[in-house]
Protein backbone atom coordinates (compact mmCIF):
# COMPACT_ATOMS: atom_id res chain seq x y z
CA GLU A 1 -7.05 -27.83 -28.68
CA SER A 2 -4.98 -29.00 -31.65
CA SER A 3 -2.46 -30.57 -29.25
CA SER A 4 -5.21 -32.64 -27.60
CA CYS A 5 -6.40 -33.78 -31.04
CA ALA A 6 -2.85 -34.80 -31.89
CA ALA A 7 -2.58 -36.72 -28.61
CA VAL A 8 -5.80 -38.61 -29.36
CA ALA A 9 -4.57 -39.41 -32.89
CA ASP A 10 -1.21 -40.61 -31.51
CA SER A 11 -3.02 -42.75 -28.95
CA ALA A 12 -5.23 -44.31 -31.62
CA GLN A 13 -2.18 -44.97 -33.82
CA SER A 14 -0.37 -46.51 -30.86
CA ARG A 15 -3.33 -48.83 -30.17
CA GLU A 16 -3.39 -49.81 -33.84
CA GLN A 17 0.33 -50.57 -33.78
CA LEU A 18 0.00 -52.65 -30.62
CA GLN A 19 -2.93 -54.58 -32.14
CA GLN A 20 -0.93 -55.23 -35.32
CA ALA A 21 2.07 -56.34 -33.26
CA LYS A 22 -0.18 -58.70 -31.28
CA GLN A 23 -1.56 -60.23 -34.48
CA ASN A 24 1.94 -60.70 -35.92
CA LEU A 25 3.13 -62.28 -32.68
CA ASP A 26 0.09 -64.59 -32.60
CA LYS A 27 1.07 -65.89 -36.05
CA ALA A 28 4.74 -66.23 -35.12
CA ILE A 29 3.87 -68.12 -31.93
CA GLN A 30 1.68 -70.55 -33.87
CA ASP A 31 4.47 -71.16 -36.37
CA TYR A 32 7.16 -71.61 -33.71
CA LYS A 33 4.93 -74.09 -31.84
CA LEU A 34 4.33 -75.98 -35.09
CA VAL A 35 8.04 -76.45 -35.82
CA GLY A 36 9.14 -76.78 -32.19
CA ALA A 37 11.47 -73.77 -32.24
CA LEU A 38 11.67 -73.25 -28.48
CA GLN A 39 14.04 -70.28 -28.15
CA PRO A 40 12.22 -68.15 -30.77
CA LEU A 41 8.93 -69.24 -29.14
CA MET A 42 10.18 -67.95 -25.80
CA ASP A 43 11.20 -64.65 -27.40
CA ALA A 44 7.85 -64.22 -29.16
CA THR A 45 5.76 -65.15 -26.10
CA HIS A 46 7.77 -62.71 -23.98
CA LEU A 47 7.07 -59.92 -26.47
CA GLN A 48 3.43 -61.03 -26.63
CA ALA A 49 3.08 -60.78 -22.84
CA LEU A 50 4.62 -57.29 -22.86
CA THR A 51 2.38 -56.18 -25.74
CA CYS A 52 -0.78 -57.52 -24.11
CA HIS A 53 0.19 -55.92 -20.79
CA ARG A 54 0.62 -52.56 -22.53
CA MET A 55 -2.82 -53.03 -24.13
CA GLY A 56 -4.38 -53.88 -20.75
CA ASN A 57 -5.30 -57.37 -21.96
CA THR A 58 -4.51 -59.46 -18.88
CA ALA A 59 -6.05 -62.72 -20.12
CA ASP A 60 -3.86 -62.81 -23.25
CA ARG A 61 -0.87 -61.59 -21.22
CA ASP A 62 -1.27 -64.47 -18.77
CA ARG A 63 -1.72 -66.97 -21.61
CA ALA A 64 1.49 -65.71 -23.26
CA ALA A 65 3.31 -66.00 -19.94
CA GLN A 66 2.13 -69.61 -19.57
CA ASP A 67 3.28 -70.38 -23.13
CA PHE A 68 6.66 -68.84 -22.27
CA LEU A 69 7.03 -70.97 -19.14
CA GLN A 70 6.03 -74.13 -21.02
CA ALA A 71 8.58 -73.43 -23.76
CA GLN A 72 11.23 -72.71 -21.12
CA ARG A 73 10.50 -76.03 -19.35
CA SER A 74 10.67 -77.89 -22.66
CA LEU A 75 13.94 -76.21 -23.59
CA ASN A 76 15.47 -76.99 -20.20
CA ALA A 77 14.35 -80.62 -20.42
CA SER A 78 15.77 -81.05 -23.92
CA GLN A 79 19.19 -79.79 -22.82
CA TRP A 80 19.62 -82.77 -20.49
CA LEU A 81 19.38 -85.36 -23.24
CA PRO A 82 22.66 -86.89 -24.39
CA VAL A 83 23.96 -85.46 -27.64
CA SER A 84 24.82 -88.87 -29.07
CA PRO A 85 25.66 -92.41 -27.97
CA MET A 86 29.29 -91.45 -28.57
CA SER A 87 29.18 -88.86 -25.78
CA ASN A 88 31.12 -91.17 -23.45
CA LEU A 89 34.20 -91.35 -25.72
CA ALA A 90 36.10 -89.02 -23.39
CA THR A 91 36.12 -91.74 -20.72
CA CYS A 92 36.71 -94.64 -23.10
CA PRO A 93 40.13 -96.38 -22.77
CA ALA A 94 42.55 -95.75 -25.64
CA ALA A 95 42.77 -99.47 -26.48
CA ALA A 96 38.99 -99.67 -26.90
CA LEU A 97 39.05 -96.62 -29.16
CA MET A 98 41.75 -98.27 -31.32
CA ASP A 99 39.63 -101.42 -31.57
CA LEU A 100 36.63 -99.34 -32.69
CA ALA A 101 38.73 -97.49 -35.25
CA CYS A 102 40.09 -100.75 -36.68
CA GLU A 103 36.59 -102.20 -37.06
CA ALA A 104 35.43 -99.31 -39.23
């Protein structure tokens, strides 16, 4: 009987830990969205989806998965933007580069 009591106590502690993890991830996700930190947002939403799945909370799991996909799309889109207007220097003729250098 004492082993079943210990199992119930462990289960309750596990639920508490999962709920605390979910609350911490909720806060982190809000902060990452606020500052636009896409890779950490993807990491946190992935963990959030796993945590909610473990808790049996499918609505929050699905919401976290949607947040993950949105962050992933945003990250992928941002990677296609040119780094700077100077990104075409590799194809610029040497004479033109010399002219630019002399102007500075």
